[in-house]
C-alpha atoms as a PDB file:
ATOM      1  CA  MET A   1       9.742  52.119 -63.088  1.00  0.00           C
ATOM      2  CA  ARG A   2      11.800  49.589 -60.690  1.00  0.00           C
ATOM      3  CA  ARG A   3       9.769  47.261 -59.123  1.00  0.00           C
ATOM      4  CA  VAL A   4      10.406  45.694 -56.485  1.00  0.00           C
ATOM      5  CA  ASN A   5       9.133  42.168 -55.305  1.00  0.00           C
ATOM      6  CA  LEU A   6       8.213  41.959 -51.586  1.00  0.00           C
ATOM      7  CA  ARG A   7       8.467  39.211 -49.929  1.00  0.00           C
ATOM      8  CA  LYS A   8       8.036  37.626 -46.146  1.00  0.00           C
ATOM      9  CA  PRO A   9      11.663  37.726 -44.252  1.00  0.00           C
ATOM     10  CA  SER A  10      13.062  34.811 -42.708  1.00  0.00           C
ATOM     11  CA  PHE A  11      11.294  35.309 -39.674  1.00  0.00           C
ATOM     12  CA  ASP A  12       8.050  35.744 -38.761  1.00  0.00           C
ATOM     13  CA  ALA A  13       7.179  40.031 -38.402  1.00  0.00           C
ATOM     14  CA  PRO A  14       4.267  40.424 -35.840  1.00  0.00           C
ATOM     15  CA  ASN A  15       1.088  41.083 -37.652  1.00  0.00           C
ATOM     16  CA  ARG A  16       0.074  44.234 -36.875  1.00  0.00           C
ATOM     17  CA  LYS A  17      -0.773  47.961 -39.016  1.00  0.00           C
ATOM     18  CA  TYR A  18       2.326  50.039 -38.745  1.00  0.00           C
ATOM     19  CA  CYS A  19       2.233  53.409 -38.182  1.00  0.00           C
ATOM     20  CA  ALA A  20       5.288  55.527 -38.966  1.00  0.00           C
ATOM     21  CA  MET A  21       6.064  58.818 -37.617  1.00  0.00           C
ATOM     22  CA  THR A  22       5.566  61.177 -39.928  1.00  0.00           C
ATOM     23  CA  SER A  23       8.953  63.714 -39.737  1.00  0.00           C
ATOM     24  CA  ALA A  24      12.563  62.133 -40.169  1.00  0.00           C
ATOM     25  CA  LEU A  25      15.670  63.569 -40.545  1.00  0.00           C
ATOM     26  CA  LEU A  26      17.518  61.970 -43.665  1.00  0.00           C
ATOM     27  CA  GLU A  27      20.199  65.004 -44.031  1.00  0.00           C
ATOM     28  CA  SER A  28      21.550  67.660 -41.101  1.00  0.00           C
ATOM     29  CA  ARG A  29      21.512  71.290 -42.950  1.00  0.00           C
ATOM     30  CA  LEU A  30      23.423  73.605 -40.654  1.00  0.00           C
ATOM     31  CA  HIS A  31      24.797  77.306 -41.192  1.00  0.00           C
ATOM     32  CA  SER A  32      26.528  78.158 -38.113  1.00  0.00           C
ATOM     33  CA  LEU A  33      28.955  75.254 -38.172  1.00  0.00           C
ATOM     34  CA  PRO A  34      31.322  73.846 -41.145  1.00  0.00           C
ATOM     35  CA  LEU A  35      30.735  70.749 -42.255  1.00  0.00           C
ATOM     36  CA  LEU A  36      33.395  68.020 -41.988  1.00  0.00           C
ATOM     37  CA  ALA A  37      32.214  65.166 -43.202  1.00  0.00           C
ATOM     38  CA  ARG A  38      28.586  62.907 -43.910  1.00  0.00           C
ATOM     39  CA  GLY A  39      29.035  59.630 -43.104  1.00  0.00           C
ATOM     40  CA  LYS A  40      26.678  55.953 -43.765  1.00  0.00           C
ATOM     41  CA  VAL A  41      24.606  57.556 -40.993  1.00  0.00           C
ATOM     42  CA  ARG A  42      26.360  60.512 -39.186  1.00  0.00           C
ATOM     43  CA  ASP A  43      27.432  64.215 -40.039  1.00  0.00           C
ATOM     44  CA  ASN A  44      30.176  65.722 -38.286  1.00  0.00           C
ATOM     45  CA  TYR A  45      30.454  69.366 -38.054  1.00  0.00           C
ATOM     46  CA  ALA A  46      33.831  71.398 -36.757  1.00  0.00           C
ATOM     47  CA  VAL A  47      33.502  73.006 -33.904  1.00  0.00           C
ATOM     48  CA  GLY A  48      36.389  75.424 -32.926  1.00  0.00           C
ATOM     49  CA  ASP A  49      39.875  72.898 -33.653  1.00  0.00           C
ATOM     50  CA  ASP A  50      39.623  70.637 -30.998  1.00  0.00           C
ATOM     51  CA  ARG A  51      35.680  69.851 -30.785  1.00  0.00           C
ATOM     52  CA  LEU A  52      33.484  68.126 -33.151  1.00  0.00           C
ATOM     53  CA  LEU A  53      29.678  67.972 -33.555  1.00  0.00           C
ATOM     54  CA  MET A  54      27.972  64.826 -34.076  1.00  0.00           C
ATOM     55  CA  ILE A  55      24.885  64.619 -35.859  1.00  0.00           C
ATOM     56  CA  ALA A  56      22.688  60.710 -36.160  1.00  0.00           C
ATOM     57  CA  SER A  57      20.459  61.216 -39.176  1.00  0.00           C
ATOM     58  CA  ASP A  58      17.662  58.594 -39.483  1.00  0.00           C
ATOM     59  CA  ARG A  59      19.590  57.364 -42.363  1.00  0.00           C
ATOM     60  CA  LEU A  60      20.012  53.694 -42.397  1.00  0.00           C
ATOM     61  CA  SER A  61      22.607  51.538 -44.569  1.00  0.00           C
ATOM     62  CA  ALA A  62      22.974  47.769 -44.994  1.00  0.00           C
ATOM     63  CA  PHE A  63      25.903  46.151 -46.856  1.00  0.00           C
ATOM     64  CA  ASP A  64      27.473  49.149 -46.556  1.00  0.00           C
ATOM     65  CA  VAL A  65      24.346  50.893 -49.075  1.00  0.00           C
ATOM     66  CA  VAL A  66      22.746  54.324 -47.512  1.00  0.00           C
ATOM     67  CA  MET A  67      19.395  53.050 -48.223  1.00  0.00           C
ATOM     68  CA  GLY A  68      17.067  55.932 -49.464  1.00  0.00           C
ATOM     69  CA  GLU A  69      14.686  55.954 -46.996  1.00  0.00           C
ATOM     70  CA  PRO A  70      15.084  57.254 -43.597  1.00  0.00           C
ATOM     71  CA  ILE A  71      13.925  55.302 -40.428  1.00  0.00           C
ATOM     72  CA  PRO A  72      12.000  57.864 -38.374  1.00  0.00           C
ATOM     73  CA  GLY A  73      13.415  58.401 -35.151  1.00  0.00           C
ATOM     74  CA  LYS A  74      16.154  56.363 -35.210  1.00  0.00           C
ATOM     75  CA  GLY A  75      18.655  58.877 -34.752  1.00  0.00           C
ATOM     76  CA  GLN A  76      17.191  59.847 -31.421  1.00  0.00           C
ATOM     77  CA  LEU A  77      17.114  56.643 -30.874  1.00  0.00           C
ATOM     78  CA  LEU A  78      20.801  55.421 -31.440  1.00  0.00           C
ATOM     79  CA  THR A  79      21.945  58.683 -29.580  1.00  0.00           C
ATOM     80  CA  GLU A  80      20.362  57.482 -26.564  1.00  0.00           C
ATOM     81  CA  MET A  81      21.599  54.061 -26.347  1.00  0.00           C
ATOM     82  CA  ALA A  82      25.521  55.389 -27.394  1.00  0.00           C
ATOM     83  CA  LEU A  83      25.088  57.757 -24.161  1.00  0.00           C
ATOM     84  CA  PHE A  84      23.830  55.022 -22.246  1.00  0.00           C
ATOM     85  CA  TRP A  85      26.719  52.513 -23.004  1.00  0.00           C
ATOM     86  CA  PHE A  86      29.312  55.176 -22.956  1.00  0.00           C
ATOM     87  CA  GLU A  87      28.174  55.989 -18.979  1.00  0.00           C
ATOM     88  CA  ARG A  88      27.657  52.036 -18.290  1.00  0.00           C
ATOM     89  CA  LEU A  89      31.360  51.192 -19.692  1.00  0.00           C
ATOM     90  CA  LYS A  90      33.571  54.834 -18.972  1.00  0.00           C
ATOM     91  CA  ALA A  91      35.216  52.730 -15.679  1.00  0.00           C
ATOM     92  CA  ILE A  92      36.663  50.496 -18.453  1.00  0.00           C
ATOM     93  CA  VAL A  93      38.017  52.582 -21.239  1.00  0.00           C
ATOM     94  CA  PRO A  94      38.060  56.571 -21.484  1.00  0.00           C
ATOM     95  CA  ASN A  95      35.176  58.044 -24.095  1.00  0.00           C
ATOM     96  CA  HIS A  96      34.716  60.885 -26.339  1.00  0.00           C
ATOM     97  CA  LEU A  97      32.076  62.821 -24.748  1.00  0.00           C
ATOM     98  CA  THR A  98      32.921  66.390 -23.654  1.00  0.00           C
ATOM     99  CA  GLY A  99      29.748  66.809 -21.122  1.00  0.00           C
ATOM    100  CA  ASP A 100      28.609  69.966 -22.785  1.00  0.00           C
ATOM    101  CA  SER A 101      25.485  70.393 -24.574  1.00  0.00           C
ATOM    102  CA  PRO A 102      24.825  70.007 -28.427  1.00  0.00           C
ATOM    103  CA  GLU A 103      22.769  72.319 -28.198  1.00  0.00           C
ATOM    104  CA  SER A 104      24.891  75.431 -26.970  1.00  0.00           C
ATOM    105  CA  VAL A 105      27.187  75.492 -30.165  1.00  0.00           C
ATOM    106  CA  VAL A 106      24.584  75.814 -32.757  1.00  0.00           C
ATOM    107  CA  ALA A 107      22.559  78.937 -33.810  1.00  0.00           C
ATOM    108  CA  PRO A 108      18.842  78.801 -32.600  1.00  0.00           C
ATOM    109  CA  ASP A 109      16.952  78.122 -35.946  1.00  0.00           C
ATOM    110  CA  GLU A 110      19.009  75.013 -36.069  1.00  0.00           C
ATOM    111  CA  ARG A 111      18.483  73.296 -32.543  1.00  0.00           C
ATOM    112  CA  ALA A 112      15.370  71.281 -33.651  1.00  0.00           C
ATOM    113  CA  GLN A 113      18.112  68.991 -36.142  1.00  0.00           C
ATOM    114  CA  VAL A 114      19.817  68.814 -32.563  1.00  0.00           C
ATOM    115  CA  VAL A 115      18.227  68.219 -29.972  1.00  0.00           C
ATOM    116  CA  GLY A 116      18.474  64.255 -28.755  1.00  0.00           C
ATOM    117  CA  ARG A 117      20.384  63.191 -31.615  1.00  0.00           C
ATOM    118  CA  SER A 118      23.573  64.620 -31.193  1.00  0.00           C
ATOM    119  CA  MET A 119      26.533  64.514 -29.027  1.00  0.00           C
ATOM    120  CA  LEU A 120      29.461  67.269 -28.394  1.00  0.00           C
ATOM    121  CA  VAL A 121      32.788  65.051 -28.563  1.00  0.00           C
ATOM    122  CA  LYS A 122      36.615  65.405 -28.119  1.00  0.00           C
ATOM    123  CA  ARG A 123      38.524  65.733 -32.045  1.00  0.00           C
ATOM    124  CA  LEU A 124      40.420  62.605 -32.064  1.00  0.00           C
ATOM    125  CA  LYS A 125      42.879  61.167 -34.122  1.00  0.00           C
ATOM    126  CA  PRO A 126      40.653  58.093 -35.283  1.00  0.00           C
ATOM    127  CA  LEU A 127      42.235  54.638 -35.868  1.00  0.00           C
ATOM    128  CA  PRO A 128      42.181  53.039 -39.337  1.00  0.00           C
ATOM    129  CA  VAL A 129      41.148  50.078 -38.070  1.00  0.00           C
ATOM    130  CA  GLU A 130      37.113  48.949 -36.653  1.00  0.00           C
ATOM    131  CA  ALA A 131      37.488  46.266 -33.220  1.00  0.00           C
ATOM    132  CA  VAL A 132      35.208  43.777 -34.379  1.00  0.00           C
ATOM    133  CA  VAL A 133      34.179  41.332 -31.453  1.00  0.00           C
ATOM    134  CA  ARG A 134      32.114  38.199 -32.132  1.00  0.00           C
ATOM    135  CA  GLY A 135      30.384  36.124 -29.412  1.00  0.00           C
ATOM    136  CA  TYR A 136      28.409  34.356 -32.023  1.00  0.00           C
ATOM    137  CA  LEU A 137      28.881  33.006 -35.228  1.00  0.00           C
ATOM    138  CA  ALA A 138      26.705  35.199 -37.846  1.00  0.00           C
ATOM    139  CA  GLY A 139      26.822  37.099 -41.007  1.00  0.00           C
ATOM    140  CA  SER A 140      30.476  37.342 -42.953  1.00  0.00           C
ATOM    141  CA  GLY A 141      31.850  35.472 -39.597  1.00  0.00           C
ATOM    142  CA  TRP A 142      29.525  32.518 -40.850  1.00  0.00           C
ATOM    143  CA  LYS A 143      30.186  33.194 -44.660  1.00  0.00           C
ATOM    144  CA  GLU A 144      34.216  32.611 -43.810  1.00  0.00           C
ATOM    145  CA  TYR A 145      33.767  29.748 -41.407  1.00  0.00           C
ATOM    146  CA  GLN A 146      31.891  27.653 -43.830  1.00  0.00           C
ATOM    147  CA  HIS A 147      35.186  28.014 -46.135  1.00  0.00           C
ATOM    148  CA  ASN A 148      38.005  27.505 -44.113  1.00  0.00           C
ATOM    149  CA  ARG A 149      36.846  26.847 -40.550  1.00  0.00           C
ATOM    150  CA  GLU A 150      38.454  30.344 -39.007  1.00  0.00           C
ATOM    151  CA  VAL A 151      37.227  34.013 -39.088  1.00  0.00           C
ATOM    152  CA  CYS A 152      39.692  36.534 -39.582  1.00  0.00           C
ATOM    153  CA  GLY A 153      42.712  34.138 -39.029  1.00  0.00           C
ATOM    154  CA  VAL A 154      40.908  32.840 -36.078  1.00  0.00           C
ATOM    155  CA  LYS A 155      41.248  29.307 -35.713  1.00  0.00           C
ATOM    156  CA  LEU A 156      37.662  27.783 -34.778  1.00  0.00           C
ATOM    157  CA  PRO A 157      36.416  24.023 -33.681  1.00  0.00           C
ATOM    158  CA  GLU A 158      34.807  22.303 -36.458  1.00  0.00           C
ATOM    159  CA  GLY A 159      31.046  21.365 -36.176  1.00  0.00           C
ATOM    160  CA  LEU A 160      29.995  24.864 -35.645  1.00  0.00           C
ATOM    161  CA  ALA A 161      26.356  26.146 -37.289  1.00  0.00           C
ATOM    162  CA  ASN A 162      25.255  29.390 -38.075  1.00  0.00           C
ATOM    163  CA  ALA A 163      24.449  31.490 -34.662  1.00  0.00           C
ATOM    164  CA  SER A 164      26.700  29.142 -33.011  1.00  0.00           C
ATOM    165  CA  LYS A 165      27.919  30.499 -29.365  1.00  0.00           C
ATOM    166  CA  LEU A 166      31.907  30.709 -29.487  1.00  0.00           C
ATOM    167  CA  PRO A 167      33.868  29.066 -26.632  1.00  0.00           C
ATOM    168  CA  GLN A 168      35.112  32.575 -26.131  1.00  0.00           C
ATOM    169  CA  PRO A 169      34.388  36.084 -27.623  1.00  0.00           C
ATOM    170  CA  ILE A 170      37.099  36.839 -30.661  1.00  0.00           C
ATOM    171  CA  PHE A 171      38.586  39.791 -32.197  1.00  0.00           C
ATOM    172  CA  THR A 172      38.131  40.003 -35.823  1.00  0.00           C
ATOM    173  CA  PRO A 173      39.628  43.622 -36.945  1.00  0.00           C
ATOM    174  CA  ALA A 174      38.079  45.208 -39.585  1.00  0.00           C
ATOM    175  CA  THR A 175      39.435  48.214 -42.430  1.00  0.00           C
ATOM    176  CA  LYS A 176      37.253  51.126 -42.458  1.00  0.00           C
ATOM    177  CA  ALA A 177      35.932  51.880 -46.069  1.00  0.00           C
ATOM    178  CA  ASP A 178      34.783  55.037 -47.604  1.00  0.00           C
ATOM    179  CA  MET A 179      31.369  55.693 -48.287  1.00  0.00           C
ATOM    180  CA  GLY A 180      29.837  53.034 -50.401  1.00  0.00           C
ATOM    181  CA  ASP A 181      32.658  50.571 -50.496  1.00  0.00           C
ATOM    182  CA  HIS A 182      32.836  47.506 -48.134  1.00  0.00           C
ATOM    183  CA  ASP A 183      34.662  47.173 -44.748  1.00  0.00           C
ATOM    184  CA  GLU A 184      37.293  44.163 -45.112  1.00  0.00           C
ATOM    185  CA  ASN A 185      37.975  42.001 -42.638  1.00  0.00           C
ATOM    186  CA  ILE A 186      41.821  41.662 -41.803  1.00  0.00           C
ATOM    187  CA  SER A 187      44.147  39.535 -39.549  1.00  0.00           C
ATOM    188  CA  PHE A 188      44.982  40.433 -36.019  1.00  0.00           C
ATOM    189  CA  GLU A 189      48.882  40.250 -37.600  1.00  0.00           C
ATOM    190  CA  ARG A 190      47.933  42.820 -40.199  1.00  0.00           C
ATOM    191  CA  MET A 191      46.394  44.950 -37.793  1.00  0.00           C
ATOM    192  CA  VAL A 192      49.281  45.232 -36.528  1.00  0.00           C
ATOM    193  CA  GLU A 193      50.942  46.171 -39.150  1.00  0.00           C
ATOM    194  CA  ILE A 194      48.897  49.125 -39.516  1.00  0.00           C
ATOM    195  CA  ILE A 195      49.126  50.423 -36.260  1.00  0.00           C
ATOM    196  CA  GLY A 196      51.819  48.333 -34.599  1.00  0.00           C
ATOM    197  CA  GLU A 197      51.912  45.967 -32.086  1.00  0.00           C
ATOM    198  CA  PRO A 198      51.090  47.616 -28.685  1.00  0.00           C
ATOM    199  CA  LEU A 199      48.084  49.476 -29.870  1.00  0.00           C
ATOM    200  CA  ALA A 200      46.649  46.533 -31.405  1.00  0.00           C
ATOM    201  CA  VAL A 201      46.875  44.596 -28.361  1.00  0.00           C
ATOM    202  CA  GLN A 202      45.957  47.588 -26.306  1.00  0.00           C
ATOM    203  CA  VAL A 203      42.757  47.879 -28.484  1.00  0.00           C
ATOM    204  CA  ARG A 204      42.184  44.149 -28.869  1.00  0.00           C
ATOM    205  CA  ASP A 205      41.983  43.305 -24.852  1.00  0.00           C
ATOM    206  CA  VAL A 206      40.237  46.513 -24.344  1.00  0.00           C
ATOM    207  CA  ALA A 207      37.573  45.605 -27.454  1.00  0.00           C
ATOM    208  CA  ILE A 208      36.925  42.141 -25.663  1.00  0.00           C
ATOM    209  CA  GLU A 209      36.464  43.854 -22.275  1.00  0.00           C
ATOM    210  CA  LEU A 210      34.065  45.947 -23.138  1.00  0.00           C
ATOM    211  CA  TYR A 211      32.225  43.247 -24.940  1.00  0.00           C
ATOM    212  CA  ARG A 212      31.993  40.592 -22.515  1.00  0.00           C
ATOM    213  CA  SER A 213      30.614  43.873 -19.750  1.00  0.00           C
ATOM    214  CA  ALA A 214      27.726  44.984 -22.146  1.00  0.00           C
ATOM    215  CA  ALA A 215      26.890  41.514 -23.088  1.00  0.00           C
ATOM    216  CA  ALA A 216      26.793  39.725 -19.435  1.00  0.00           C
ATOM    217  CA  PHE A 217      24.695  43.044 -18.822  1.00  0.00           C
ATOM    218  CA  ALA A 218      22.230  42.680 -21.540  1.00  0.00           C
ATOM    219  CA  LEU A 219      21.844  38.795 -20.841  1.00  0.00           C
ATOM    220  CA  THR A 220      20.176  40.408 -18.023  1.00  0.00           C
ATOM    221  CA  LYS A 221      17.704  41.858 -19.861  1.00  0.00           C
ATOM    222  CA  GLY A 222      16.800  38.725 -22.084  1.00  0.00           C
ATOM    223  CA  ILE A 223      19.543  40.441 -25.234  1.00  0.00           C
ATOM    224  CA  ILE A 224      22.003  38.425 -26.897  1.00  0.00           C
ATOM    225  CA  ILE A 225      24.619  40.639 -28.369  1.00  0.00           C
ATOM    226  CA  ALA A 226      26.018  38.476 -30.661  1.00  0.00           C
ATOM    227  CA  ASP A 227      28.821  40.509 -32.093  1.00  0.00           C
ATOM    228  CA  THR A 228      29.441  44.462 -32.407  1.00  0.00           C
ATOM    229  CA  LYS A 229      31.950  46.805 -33.815  1.00  0.00           C
ATOM    230  CA  PHE A 230      34.279  49.690 -31.434  1.00  0.00           C
ATOM    231  CA  GLU A 231      35.900  52.717 -33.053  1.00  0.00           C
ATOM    232  CA  PHE A 232      38.474  53.488 -31.342  1.00  0.00           C
ATOM    233  CA  GLY A 233      40.920  56.980 -31.430  1.00  0.00           C
ATOM    234  CA  LEU A 234      44.043  58.680 -29.952  1.00  0.00           C
ATOM    235  CA  ASP A 235      43.637  62.190 -28.207  1.00  0.00           C
ATOM    236  CA  ASP A 236      46.225  64.484 -27.505  1.00  0.00           C
ATOM    237  CA  ALA A 237      48.019  62.624 -25.377  1.00  0.00           C
ATOM    238  CA  GLY A 238      48.086  59.433 -27.323  1.00  0.00           C
ATOM    239  CA  THR A 239      45.401  57.658 -24.946  1.00  0.00           C
ATOM    240  CA  LEU A 240      43.115  55.250 -25.930  1.00  0.00           C
ATOM    241  CA  THR A 241      39.525  56.341 -26.187  1.00  0.00           C
ATOM    242  CA  LEU A 242      36.547  55.109 -27.526  1.00  0.00           C
ATOM    243  CA  MET A 243      34.630  57.022 -30.162  1.00  0.00           C
ATOM    244  CA  ASP A 244      32.083  57.576 -33.028  1.00  0.00           C
ATOM    245  CA  GLU A 245      28.755  54.935 -31.309  1.00  0.00           C
ATOM    246  CA  VAL A 246      28.723  52.484 -29.083  1.00  0.00           C
ATOM    247  CA  LEU A 247      26.809  49.044 -28.931  1.00  0.00           C
ATOM    248  CA  THR A 248      23.906  50.047 -30.929  1.00  0.00           C
ATOM    249  CA  PRO A 249      21.276  48.122 -33.477  1.00  0.00           C
ATOM    250  CA  ASP A 250      23.788  49.985 -36.245  1.00  0.00           C
ATOM    251  CA  SER A 251      27.262  48.508 -34.849  1.00  0.00           C
ATOM    252  CA  SER A 252      25.918  45.519 -33.456  1.00  0.00           C
ATOM    253  CA  ARG A 253      23.757  42.457 -33.803  1.00  0.00           C
ATOM    254  CA  PHE A 254      20.935  42.328 -30.835  1.00  0.00           C
ATOM    255  CA  TRP A 255      18.769  39.042 -30.655  1.00  0.00           C
ATOM    256  CA  PRO A 256      16.218  38.292 -28.087  1.00  0.00           C
ATOM    257  CA  LEU A 257      17.010  35.490 -25.976  1.00  0.00           C
ATOM    258  CA  GLU A 258      13.475  33.943 -26.096  1.00  0.00           C
ATOM    259  CA  GLY A 259      13.719  33.848 -29.985  1.00  0.00           C
ATOM    260  CA  TYR A 260      17.391  32.616 -30.117  1.00  0.00           C
ATOM    261  CA  GLU A 261      17.530  28.912 -29.493  1.00  0.00           C
ATOM    262  CA  ALA A 262      14.551  27.901 -32.283  1.00  0.00           C
ATOM    263  CA  ALA A 263      15.557  29.449 -34.728  1.00  0.00           C
ATOM    264  CA  PHE A 264      19.054  28.483 -33.931  1.00  0.00           C
ATOM    265  CA  GLN A 265      17.845  24.955 -33.978  1.00  0.00           C
ATOM    266  CA  ALA A 266      16.161  25.555 -37.175  1.00  0.00           C
ATOM    267  CA  GLY A 267      19.437  26.965 -38.920  1.00  0.00           C
ATOM    268  CA  LEU A 268      18.122  30.422 -39.404  1.00  0.00           C
ATOM    269  CA  ASN A 269      19.176  33.778 -38.232  1.00  0.00           C
ATOM    270  CA  PRO A 270      17.662  34.591 -35.370  1.00  0.00           C
ATOM    271  CA  PRO A 271      14.997  37.699 -34.708  1.00  0.00           C
ATOM    272  CA  SER A 272      16.665  40.435 -34.296  1.00  0.00           C
ATOM    273  CA  TYR A 273      16.602  44.200 -32.470  1.00  0.00           C
ATOM    274  CA  ASP A 274      18.663  45.433 -35.048  1.00  0.00           C
ATOM    275  CA  LYS A 275      18.993  46.147 -38.966  1.00  0.00           C
ATOM    276  CA  GLN A 276      19.059  42.051 -40.048  1.00  0.00           C
ATOM    277  CA  PHE A 277      15.430  42.778 -40.741  1.00  0.00           C
ATOM    278  CA  VAL A 278      16.577  44.898 -43.320  1.00  0.00           C
ATOM    279  CA  ARG A 279      19.293  42.493 -44.845  1.00  0.00           C
ATOM    280  CA  ASP A 280      17.190  39.541 -44.879  1.00  0.00           C
ATOM    281  CA  TRP A 281      14.515  41.780 -46.792  1.00  0.00           C
ATOM    282  CA  LEU A 282      17.013  43.152 -49.144  1.00  0.00           C
ATOM    283  CA  GLU A 283      18.536  39.797 -49.774  1.00  0.00           C
ATOM    284  CA  GLN A 284      15.073  38.438 -50.839  1.00  0.00           C
ATOM    285  CA  ALA A 285      14.250  41.740 -53.104  1.00  0.00           C
ATOM    286  CA  ALA A 286      14.216  41.631 -56.754  1.00  0.00           C
ATOM    287  CA  VAL A 287      14.311  45.291 -58.955  1.00  0.00           C
ATOM    288  CA  ASP A 288      12.428  43.799 -62.053  1.00  0.00           C
ATOM    289  CA  GLY A 289      12.530  40.498 -61.490  1.00  0.00           C
ATOM    290  CA  VAL A 290      16.365  40.446 -60.634  1.00  0.00           C
ATOM    291  CA  ALA A 291      18.199  40.257 -57.168  1.00  0.00           C
ATOM    292  CA  TRP A 292      19.774  43.366 -56.013  1.00  0.00           C
ATOM    293  CA  ASN A 293      23.467  42.969 -56.313  1.00  0.00           C
ATOM    294  CA  LYS A 294      24.348  45.286 -53.148  1.00  0.00           C
ATOM    295  CA  GLN A 295      25.564  48.326 -54.869  1.00  0.00           C
ATOM    296  CA  ALA A 296      24.433  51.510 -55.091  1.00  0.00           C
ATOM    297  CA  PRO A 297      21.263  52.074 -55.440  1.00  0.00           C
ATOM    298  CA  ALA A 298      19.172  50.043 -53.486  1.00  0.00           C
ATOM    299  CA  PRO A 299      15.792  49.042 -53.935  1.00  0.00           C
ATOM    300  CA  ALA A 300      13.488  50.909 -52.002  1.00  0.00           C
ATOM    301  CA  LEU A 301      11.903  50.293 -49.073  1.00  0.00           C
ATOM    302  CA  PRO A 302       8.484  49.584 -48.380  1.00  0.00           C
ATOM    303  CA  PRO A 303       7.028  51.134 -45.421  1.00  0.00           C
ATOM    304  CA  GLU A 304       5.992  48.249 -43.407  1.00  0.00           C
ATOM    305  CA  VAL A 305      10.077  47.249 -43.406  1.00  0.00           C
ATOM    306  CA  VAL A 306      10.331  51.301 -42.242  1.00  0.00           C
ATOM    307  CA  ALA A 307       7.925  50.604 -39.881  1.00  0.00           C
ATOM    308  CA  TYR A 308       8.835  47.465 -38.034  1.00  0.00           C
ATOM    309  CA  THR A 309      12.574  48.743 -37.905  1.00  0.00           C
ATOM    310  CA  ALA A 310      11.966  51.446 -36.395  1.00  0.00           C
ATOM    311  CA  GLU A 311       9.666  49.616 -34.139  1.00  0.00           C
ATOM    312  CA  ARG A 312      12.754  46.967 -33.488  1.00  0.00           C
ATOM    313  CA  TYR A 313      15.100  49.810 -32.258  1.00  0.00           C
ATOM    314  CA  ARG A 314      12.951  50.915 -30.055  1.00  0.00           C
ATOM    315  CA  GLU A 315      11.951  47.711 -28.513  1.00  0.00           C
ATOM    316  CA  ALA A 316      16.027  46.917 -28.422  1.00  0.00           C
ATOM    317  CA  LEU A 317      16.767  50.942 -25.852  1.00  0.00           C
ATOM    318  CA  GLN A 318      13.710  50.223 -24.096  1.00  0.00           C
ATOM    319  CA  ARG A 319      14.495  46.531 -22.755  1.00  0.00           C
ATOM    320  CA  LEU A 320      18.130  47.585 -22.509  1.00  0.00           C
ATOM    321  CA  THR A 321      17.213  50.615 -20.634  1.00  0.00           C
ATOM    322  CA  ALA A 322      14.001  49.563 -18.074  1.00  0.00           C
END
């Protein structure tokens, strides 16, 4: 039997009783459309030759491992937030939304799996790199900085600490990993080798503009977007198009402004509205007395971790869209 040692995370969670939602979608099952792929969170179905139905499940991944316990309501929250940002940022770059209703392409008995958690999108040729933009030093970027004062080949000043604000946002691409594998940070030069210089420059410039616009807006709502990743594809005309998800707690680090300074001064990860809470718990979790090795299967998430994570996702959405 697996025994998981639950310890208090590295920041204080509110002392309250948790009331988790009773239903969750761990995996969609549609009979009316062919399944193309199941990602870490999304299930993608073909709709003809030119569209995809993307269903956001309630799965959660951390350290590139999918947890066995869903986060109830997470898929709806991710979808609502992504749609909010797609609308807000559409003047910067085209996105993959078709404007059609997802419920219109499935059978009546499948609509409950689709409503509120799906997007009907254009089928694109996805670029094989992720466009990561960092405004603060955190996560893998902080670890790399401690080693060589660089992040993905970008030289940074001496004297930075965990959660330091960077002098300016930096572009740090990564290669996409298959399910269960880890994404690999790469240099911009390596990205040029993969997709060519003109496209790489365009992706970098658009990604930084998207980040700057979103981060400035979020700050007015009391949220710091520490970093985020964007995914892009090309349509049949070769137009760069924003796709997948955008600026959600799954693809970004969201820090409440009011908790940032105290955590930074203490050298801690700031409180977050994203899955950092789960990452912090997993870093402390033990299975049969042995620290988790960040390989599947993951330790079972306790109900209070599941419920608190769902609550943080809801708070982020409510705060940003209020």
